[in-house]
């Protein structure tokens, strides 16, 4: 990775179609405000984030990153059909047949 592509955690940057902004609330916690134009559904991200750290995700435009800083989460992306993803998760033992 070259120096032009590195971003520190304190920098705000955006990709095409997104507007990124930094604001502070009355508790002086830093929030990252992301206004997304792509129309994706973030319900599962909200549920996951609030499960591992309650009240950390209010909405797409209000994520309390300071509350998430202490957590160790190593997200990965997987691609494929639903059936292939289910088979992978079953083979890893992270879900069971009950689902």
N, C-alpha and C. Protein backbone atom coordinates (compact mmCIF):
# COMPACT_ATOMS: atom_id res chain seq x y z
N UNK A 1 0.86 -1.17 0.00
CA UNK A 1 0.00 0.00 0.00
C UNK A 1 0.90 1.22 0.00
N UNK A 2 0.73 2.15 -0.94
CA UNK A 2 1.56 3.33 -0.96
C UNK A 2 0.99 4.41 -0.04
N UNK A 3 1.79 5.44 0.24
CA UNK A 3 1.39 6.48 1.19
C UNK A 3 0.17 7.26 0.75
N UNK A 4 -0.08 7.35 -0.56
CA UNK A 4 -1.25 8.10 -1.03
C UNK A 4 -2.55 7.40 -0.68
N UNK A 5 -2.52 6.10 -0.46
CA UNK A 5 -3.74 5.35 -0.19
C UNK A 5 -3.98 5.11 1.29
N UNK A 6 -3.06 5.55 2.16
CA UNK A 6 -3.22 5.34 3.59
C UNK A 6 -4.08 6.44 4.18
N UNK A 7 -4.96 6.08 5.08
CA UNK A 7 -5.81 7.02 5.79
C UNK A 7 -5.72 6.70 7.27
N UNK A 8 -5.45 7.72 8.09
CA UNK A 8 -5.44 7.46 9.52
C UNK A 8 -6.87 7.43 10.02
N UNK A 9 -7.05 6.89 11.23
CA UNK A 9 -8.39 6.78 11.80
C UNK A 9 -9.00 8.14 12.05
N UNK A 10 -8.16 9.17 12.18
CA UNK A 10 -8.70 10.50 12.47
C UNK A 10 -9.10 11.26 11.22
N UNK A 11 -8.78 10.74 10.04
CA UNK A 11 -9.12 11.43 8.81
C UNK A 11 -10.50 11.02 8.33
N UNK A 12 -11.23 11.98 7.82
CA UNK A 12 -12.51 11.67 7.18
C UNK A 12 -12.26 11.63 5.69
N UNK A 13 -12.74 10.60 5.04
CA UNK A 13 -12.65 10.51 3.59
C UNK A 13 -13.92 9.88 3.07
N UNK A 14 -14.20 10.10 1.82
CA UNK A 14 -15.43 9.56 1.26
C UNK A 14 -15.15 8.94 -0.09
N UNK A 15 -16.02 8.03 -0.47
CA UNK A 15 -15.94 7.44 -1.79
C UNK A 15 -17.00 8.10 -2.67
N UNK A 16 -16.92 7.85 -3.95
CA UNK A 16 -17.87 8.43 -4.88
C UNK A 16 -19.29 8.06 -4.47
N UNK A 17 -20.16 9.05 -4.35
CA UNK A 17 -21.54 8.80 -3.98
C UNK A 17 -21.80 8.94 -2.50
N UNK A 18 -20.76 9.07 -1.70
CA UNK A 18 -20.92 9.22 -0.25
C UNK A 18 -20.39 10.59 0.18
N UNK A 19 -21.03 11.16 1.17
CA UNK A 19 -20.54 12.39 1.78
C UNK A 19 -20.20 12.06 3.22
N UNK A 20 -18.98 12.36 3.64
CA UNK A 20 -18.56 12.03 4.99
C UNK A 20 -18.33 13.31 5.76
N UNK A 21 -18.74 13.30 7.02
CA UNK A 21 -18.68 14.49 7.85
C UNK A 21 -18.35 14.06 9.26
N UNK A 22 -17.69 14.90 10.04
CA UNK A 22 -17.41 14.62 11.45
C UNK A 22 -18.15 15.62 12.31
N UNK A 23 -18.81 15.16 13.36
CA UNK A 23 -19.50 16.04 14.29
C UNK A 23 -19.27 15.54 15.71
N UNK A 24 -19.55 16.37 16.70
CA UNK A 24 -19.47 15.96 18.10
C UNK A 24 -20.82 16.14 18.74
N UNK A 25 -21.18 15.24 19.67
CA UNK A 25 -22.43 15.40 20.39
C UNK A 25 -22.15 16.03 21.75
N UNK A 26 -23.18 16.19 22.57
CA UNK A 26 -23.04 16.86 23.86
C UNK A 26 -22.16 16.10 24.83
N UNK A 27 -21.95 14.80 24.62
CA UNK A 27 -21.08 14.00 25.48
C UNK A 27 -19.64 14.02 25.00
N UNK A 28 -19.34 14.84 24.00
CA UNK A 28 -18.01 14.96 23.41
C UNK A 28 -17.52 13.67 22.77
N UNK A 29 -18.41 12.76 22.46
CA UNK A 29 -18.04 11.56 21.71
C UNK A 29 -18.03 11.90 20.24
N UNK A 30 -17.07 11.34 19.54
CA UNK A 30 -16.95 11.63 18.12
C UNK A 30 -17.85 10.71 17.31
N UNK A 31 -18.65 11.28 16.47
CA UNK A 31 -19.53 10.53 15.59
C UNK A 31 -19.09 10.74 14.15
N UNK A 32 -19.19 9.73 13.37
CA UNK A 32 -18.95 9.85 11.94
C UNK A 32 -20.29 9.87 11.25
N UNK A 33 -20.56 10.92 10.54
CA UNK A 33 -21.82 11.05 9.84
C UNK A 33 -21.61 10.69 8.38
N UNK A 34 -22.29 9.66 7.94
CA UNK A 34 -22.16 9.20 6.57
C UNK A 34 -23.52 9.30 5.90
N UNK A 35 -23.60 10.05 4.85
CA UNK A 35 -24.85 10.17 4.11
C UNK A 35 -24.64 9.41 2.81
N UNK A 36 -25.30 8.29 2.69
CA UNK A 36 -25.09 7.40 1.57
C UNK A 36 -26.17 7.58 0.52
N UNK A 37 -25.74 7.65 -0.73
CA UNK A 37 -26.67 7.79 -1.85
C UNK A 37 -26.97 6.45 -2.51
N UNK A 38 -26.36 5.36 -2.03
CA UNK A 38 -26.51 4.11 -2.76
C UNK A 38 -27.73 3.30 -2.36
N UNK A 39 -28.47 3.69 -1.33
CA UNK A 39 -29.72 3.05 -0.98
C UNK A 39 -29.60 1.66 -0.38
N UNK A 40 -28.41 1.28 0.10
CA UNK A 40 -28.25 -0.05 0.69
C UNK A 40 -28.99 -0.16 2.02
N UNK A 41 -29.33 -1.37 2.39
CA UNK A 41 -30.02 -1.65 3.65
C UNK A 41 -28.99 -1.91 4.74
N UNK A 42 -29.05 -1.15 5.82
CA UNK A 42 -28.07 -1.26 6.89
C UNK A 42 -28.67 -1.86 8.16
N UNK A 43 -29.83 -2.51 8.07
CA UNK A 43 -30.47 -3.09 9.25
C UNK A 43 -29.59 -4.16 9.91
N UNK A 44 -28.96 -5.01 9.12
CA UNK A 44 -28.13 -6.07 9.70
C UNK A 44 -26.88 -5.48 10.35
N UNK A 45 -26.30 -4.44 9.76
CA UNK A 45 -25.15 -3.78 10.38
C UNK A 45 -25.55 -3.14 11.70
N UNK A 46 -26.70 -2.49 11.74
CA UNK A 46 -27.21 -1.88 12.97
C UNK A 46 -27.41 -2.95 14.05
N UNK A 47 -28.05 -4.06 13.69
CA UNK A 47 -28.31 -5.13 14.65
C UNK A 47 -27.01 -5.71 15.19
N UNK A 48 -26.06 -5.98 14.32
CA UNK A 48 -24.78 -6.54 14.75
C UNK A 48 -24.03 -5.57 15.65
N UNK A 49 -23.92 -4.32 15.23
CA UNK A 49 -23.18 -3.32 16.00
C UNK A 49 -23.79 -3.11 17.37
N UNK A 50 -25.10 -3.01 17.43
CA UNK A 50 -25.76 -2.80 18.72
C UNK A 50 -25.76 -4.06 19.59
N UNK A 51 -25.57 -5.24 18.99
CA UNK A 51 -25.44 -6.46 19.77
C UNK A 51 -24.09 -6.51 20.48
N UNK A 52 -23.02 -6.16 19.76
CA UNK A 52 -21.70 -6.23 20.38
C UNK A 52 -21.39 -5.01 21.24
N UNK A 53 -22.09 -3.89 21.00
CA UNK A 53 -21.88 -2.67 21.79
C UNK A 53 -23.19 -1.88 21.78
N UNK A 54 -24.07 -2.12 22.76
CA UNK A 54 -25.38 -1.47 22.78
C UNK A 54 -25.31 0.05 22.63
N UNK A 55 -26.23 0.57 21.85
CA UNK A 55 -26.40 2.02 21.59
C UNK A 55 -25.26 2.64 20.80
N UNK A 56 -24.44 1.84 20.13
CA UNK A 56 -23.34 2.41 19.35
C UNK A 56 -23.78 2.82 17.95
N UNK A 57 -24.91 2.28 17.48
CA UNK A 57 -25.38 2.58 16.13
C UNK A 57 -26.80 3.10 16.24
N UNK A 58 -26.96 4.42 16.07
CA UNK A 58 -28.29 5.01 16.12
C UNK A 58 -28.97 4.97 14.76
N UNK A 59 -28.21 5.31 13.73
CA UNK A 59 -28.71 5.31 12.36
C UNK A 59 -27.50 5.34 11.44
N UNK A 60 -27.74 5.30 10.15
CA UNK A 60 -26.65 5.34 9.18
C UNK A 60 -25.82 6.60 9.35
N UNK A 61 -26.42 7.66 9.85
CA UNK A 61 -25.72 8.92 10.00
C UNK A 61 -25.21 9.15 11.42
N UNK A 62 -25.36 8.17 12.29
CA UNK A 62 -24.95 8.34 13.68
C UNK A 62 -24.37 7.05 14.25
N UNK A 63 -23.06 6.87 14.06
CA UNK A 63 -22.36 5.71 14.58
C UNK A 63 -21.34 6.21 15.60
N UNK A 64 -21.38 5.67 16.80
CA UNK A 64 -20.47 6.09 17.87
C UNK A 64 -19.21 5.23 17.79
N UNK A 65 -18.25 5.66 16.97
CA UNK A 65 -17.04 4.89 16.77
C UNK A 65 -16.18 4.83 18.03
N UNK A 66 -16.23 5.85 18.87
CA UNK A 66 -15.44 5.82 20.11
C UNK A 66 -15.87 4.67 21.01
N UNK A 67 -17.14 4.30 20.97
CA UNK A 67 -17.62 3.17 21.76
C UNK A 67 -17.15 1.84 21.18
N UNK A 68 -16.89 1.82 19.87
CA UNK A 68 -16.47 0.59 19.20
C UNK A 68 -14.95 0.41 19.19
N UNK A 69 -14.20 1.47 19.54
CA UNK A 69 -12.74 1.42 19.47
C UNK A 69 -12.12 0.29 20.28
N UNK A 70 -12.69 -0.05 21.43
CA UNK A 70 -12.11 -1.06 22.29
C UNK A 70 -12.41 -2.49 21.88
N UNK A 71 -13.28 -2.67 20.91
CA UNK A 71 -13.66 -4.02 20.48
C UNK A 71 -12.69 -4.56 19.43
N UNK A 72 -12.47 -5.84 19.46
CA UNK A 72 -11.64 -6.48 18.45
C UNK A 72 -12.56 -7.28 17.54
N UNK A 73 -12.82 -6.74 16.38
CA UNK A 73 -13.66 -7.39 15.38
C UNK A 73 -12.88 -7.40 14.08
N UNK A 74 -12.75 -8.54 13.50
CA UNK A 74 -12.03 -8.68 12.24
C UNK A 74 -13.03 -9.06 11.15
N UNK A 75 -13.70 -8.06 10.58
CA UNK A 75 -14.69 -8.39 9.56
C UNK A 75 -14.04 -8.91 8.28
N UNK A 76 -14.72 -9.84 7.65
CA UNK A 76 -14.27 -10.36 6.37
C UNK A 76 -15.46 -10.32 5.41
N UNK A 77 -15.19 -10.32 4.17
CA UNK A 77 -16.26 -10.37 3.18
C UNK A 77 -16.24 -11.72 2.49
N UNK A 78 -17.41 -12.26 2.26
CA UNK A 78 -17.52 -13.50 1.49
C UNK A 78 -18.55 -13.28 0.39
N UNK A 79 -18.32 -13.92 -0.72
CA UNK A 79 -19.20 -13.75 -1.86
C UNK A 79 -19.65 -15.12 -2.35
N UNK A 80 -20.84 -15.16 -2.89
CA UNK A 80 -21.38 -16.40 -3.44
C UNK A 80 -22.88 -16.43 -3.28
N UNK A 81 -23.46 -17.52 -3.71
CA UNK A 81 -24.91 -17.67 -3.57
C UNK A 81 -25.23 -17.89 -2.09
N UNK A 82 -26.50 -17.74 -1.73
CA UNK A 82 -26.92 -17.98 -0.34
C UNK A 82 -26.56 -19.39 0.10
N UNK A 83 -26.77 -20.35 -0.80
CA UNK A 83 -26.48 -21.75 -0.47
C UNK A 83 -24.99 -21.95 -0.20
N UNK A 84 -24.13 -21.34 -1.02
CA UNK A 84 -22.69 -21.47 -0.82
C UNK A 84 -22.25 -20.83 0.50
N UNK A 85 -22.82 -19.69 0.83
CA UNK A 85 -22.47 -19.01 2.07
C UNK A 85 -22.92 -19.83 3.28
N UNK A 86 -24.12 -20.39 3.21
CA UNK A 86 -24.62 -21.24 4.30
C UNK A 86 -23.71 -22.45 4.47
N UNK A 87 -23.32 -23.09 3.37
CA UNK A 87 -22.42 -24.25 3.45
C UNK A 87 -21.08 -23.88 4.07
N UNK A 88 -20.55 -22.71 3.72
CA UNK A 88 -19.29 -22.25 4.32
C UNK A 88 -19.45 -22.05 5.82
N UNK A 89 -20.51 -21.36 6.23
CA UNK A 89 -20.74 -21.11 7.65
C UNK A 89 -20.95 -22.41 8.43
N UNK A 90 -21.67 -23.35 7.83
CA UNK A 90 -21.85 -24.67 8.46
C UNK A 90 -20.52 -25.39 8.61
N UNK A 91 -19.70 -25.35 7.57
CA UNK A 91 -18.41 -26.05 7.61
C UNK A 91 -17.46 -25.43 8.63
N UNK A 92 -17.60 -24.14 8.90
CA UNK A 92 -16.77 -23.47 9.90
C UNK A 92 -17.31 -23.66 11.31
N UNK A 93 -18.54 -24.17 11.42
CA UNK A 93 -19.15 -24.40 12.73
C UNK A 93 -19.65 -23.15 13.42
N UNK A 94 -19.88 -22.08 12.66
CA UNK A 94 -20.35 -20.83 13.27
C UNK A 94 -21.88 -20.72 13.27
N UNK A 95 -22.55 -21.61 12.55
CA UNK A 95 -24.01 -21.72 12.59
C UNK A 95 -24.34 -23.21 12.66
N UNK A 96 -25.57 -23.51 13.06
CA UNK A 96 -25.97 -24.91 13.10
C UNK A 96 -27.14 -25.15 12.15
N UNK A 97 -27.53 -26.40 12.01
CA UNK A 97 -28.61 -26.77 11.09
C UNK A 97 -29.96 -26.22 11.50
N UNK A 98 -30.12 -25.85 12.77
CA UNK A 98 -31.39 -25.34 13.28
C UNK A 98 -31.84 -24.11 12.51
N UNK A 99 -30.93 -23.27 12.10
CA UNK A 99 -31.27 -22.05 11.38
C UNK A 99 -31.93 -22.41 10.09
